[in-house]
Amino acid sequence: MSAIPRRDQGGVVPRNTDGEHRGRQQGRLAGPNVLHVDHDGEQIRDAIVRQLAHGPYERSLLYYKPGTSATIVDVLASVELYTQKRFFETT
């Protein structure tokens, strides 16, 4: 098994002790391949076992938006690029 999950594999995201998601996960949408569990070793282990038993998930379009690649290309082509660091030759 790969150490880096593929998009179609499941994920396990621990919850805070009060059951709420905070920090990076707070308010974030989660696809059907993500299980939210408490910070509890047994719950985390059980969730991992469920995900492995489930196998690959159907592709989720949760974050899909048509034309995103073209929009990124257009923005990058139209903005003035800059460099934050200056490099000096020391010859």
Protein backbone atom coordinates (compact mmCIF):
# COMPACT_ATOMS: atom_id res chain seq x y z
CA MET A 1 0.00 0.00 0.00
CA SER A 2 1.22 3.48 -0.84
CA ALA A 3 2.11 5.84 2.02
CA ILE A 4 0.55 8.74 0.09
CA PRO A 5 -3.21 8.28 -0.38
CA ARG A 6 -4.65 8.68 -3.85
CA ARG A 7 -7.69 10.88 -4.37
CA ASP A 8 -9.98 7.84 -4.62
CA GLN A 9 -8.75 6.41 -1.31
CA GLY A 10 -10.34 7.26 1.99
CA GLY A 11 -8.97 9.49 4.71
CA VAL A 12 -9.36 9.70 8.47
CA VAL A 13 -9.55 13.14 10.11
CA PRO A 14 -9.48 13.23 13.94
CA ARG A 15 -11.92 15.55 15.74
CA ASN A 16 -11.21 17.62 18.84
CA THR A 17 -12.31 16.20 22.19
CA ASP A 18 -15.62 18.10 21.98
CA GLY A 19 -16.39 16.58 18.55
CA GLU A 20 -15.78 19.78 16.60
CA HIS A 21 -13.33 20.26 13.75
CA ARG A 22 -11.05 23.23 14.25
CA GLY A 23 -8.03 24.70 12.59
CA ARG A 24 -7.52 23.77 8.95
CA GLN A 25 -10.55 21.46 8.82
CA GLN A 26 -13.13 23.78 10.41
CA GLY A 27 -15.88 24.65 7.95
CA ARG A 28 -14.28 22.57 5.20
CA LEU A 29 -16.40 20.35 3.01
CA ALA A 30 -15.51 16.68 3.14
CA GLY A 31 -16.23 14.10 0.47
CA PRO A 32 -17.76 10.69 1.19
CA ASN A 33 -14.26 9.18 1.37
CA VAL A 34 -13.40 11.10 4.58
CA LEU A 35 -14.31 9.75 8.01
CA HIS A 36 -14.27 12.12 10.99
CA VAL A 37 -13.33 10.46 14.27
CA ASP A 38 -12.41 11.54 17.79
CA HIS A 39 -8.80 11.66 19.03
CA ASP A 40 -9.08 8.08 20.18
CA GLY A 41 -6.71 5.33 19.08
CA GLU A 42 -9.44 2.71 18.83
CA GLN A 43 -11.74 4.95 16.77
CA ILE A 44 -8.87 5.89 14.46
CA ARG A 45 -7.87 2.23 14.03
CA ASP A 46 -11.50 1.20 13.35
CA ALA A 47 -11.89 4.00 10.80
CA ILE A 48 -8.70 2.94 9.01
CA VAL A 49 -9.93 -0.66 8.91
CA ARG A 50 -13.30 0.52 7.48
CA GLN A 51 -11.55 2.62 4.83
CA LEU A 52 -9.26 -0.23 3.79
CA ALA A 53 -12.21 -2.64 3.64
CA HIS A 54 -14.23 -0.16 1.55
CA GLY A 55 -11.67 0.05 -1.25
CA PRO A 56 -11.64 2.79 -3.90
CA TYR A 57 -14.41 5.39 -3.82
CA GLU A 58 -16.37 6.78 -6.73
CA ARG A 59 -14.88 10.01 -8.05
CA SER A 60 -16.22 13.01 -6.16
CA LEU A 61 -16.95 16.29 -7.92
CA LEU A 62 -17.11 18.17 -4.61
CA TYR A 63 -14.38 20.63 -5.64
CA TYR A 64 -14.81 20.40 -9.41
CA LYS A 65 -15.41 23.56 -11.40
CA PRO A 66 -15.33 23.51 -15.22
CA GLY A 67 -12.65 25.64 -16.85
CA THR A 68 -10.42 25.96 -13.79
CA SER A 69 -7.20 25.14 -15.68
CA ALA A 70 -7.95 27.73 -18.36
CA THR A 71 -8.71 30.34 -15.69
CA ILE A 72 -5.38 29.66 -13.94
CA VAL A 73 -3.51 29.94 -17.26
CA ASP A 74 -5.26 33.24 -18.07
CA VAL A 75 -4.46 34.73 -14.65
CA LEU A 76 -0.81 33.66 -14.77
CA ALA A 77 -0.44 35.04 -18.29
CA SER A 78 -1.90 38.41 -17.34
CA VAL A 79 -0.28 39.24 -13.98
CA GLU A 80 3.05 40.94 -13.54
CA LEU A 81 5.41 38.55 -11.81
CA TYR A 82 7.80 39.76 -9.15
CA THR A 83 10.62 38.36 -7.05
CA GLN A 84 10.75 38.94 -3.32
CA LYS A 85 14.43 38.13 -2.96
CA ARG A 86 17.30 39.85 -4.70
CA PHE A 87 20.29 37.86 -5.77
CA PHE A 88 23.72 39.41 -6.10
CA GLU A 89 26.62 37.94 -7.99
CA THR A 90 29.72 37.52 -5.80
CA THR A 91 32.51 36.90 -8.25
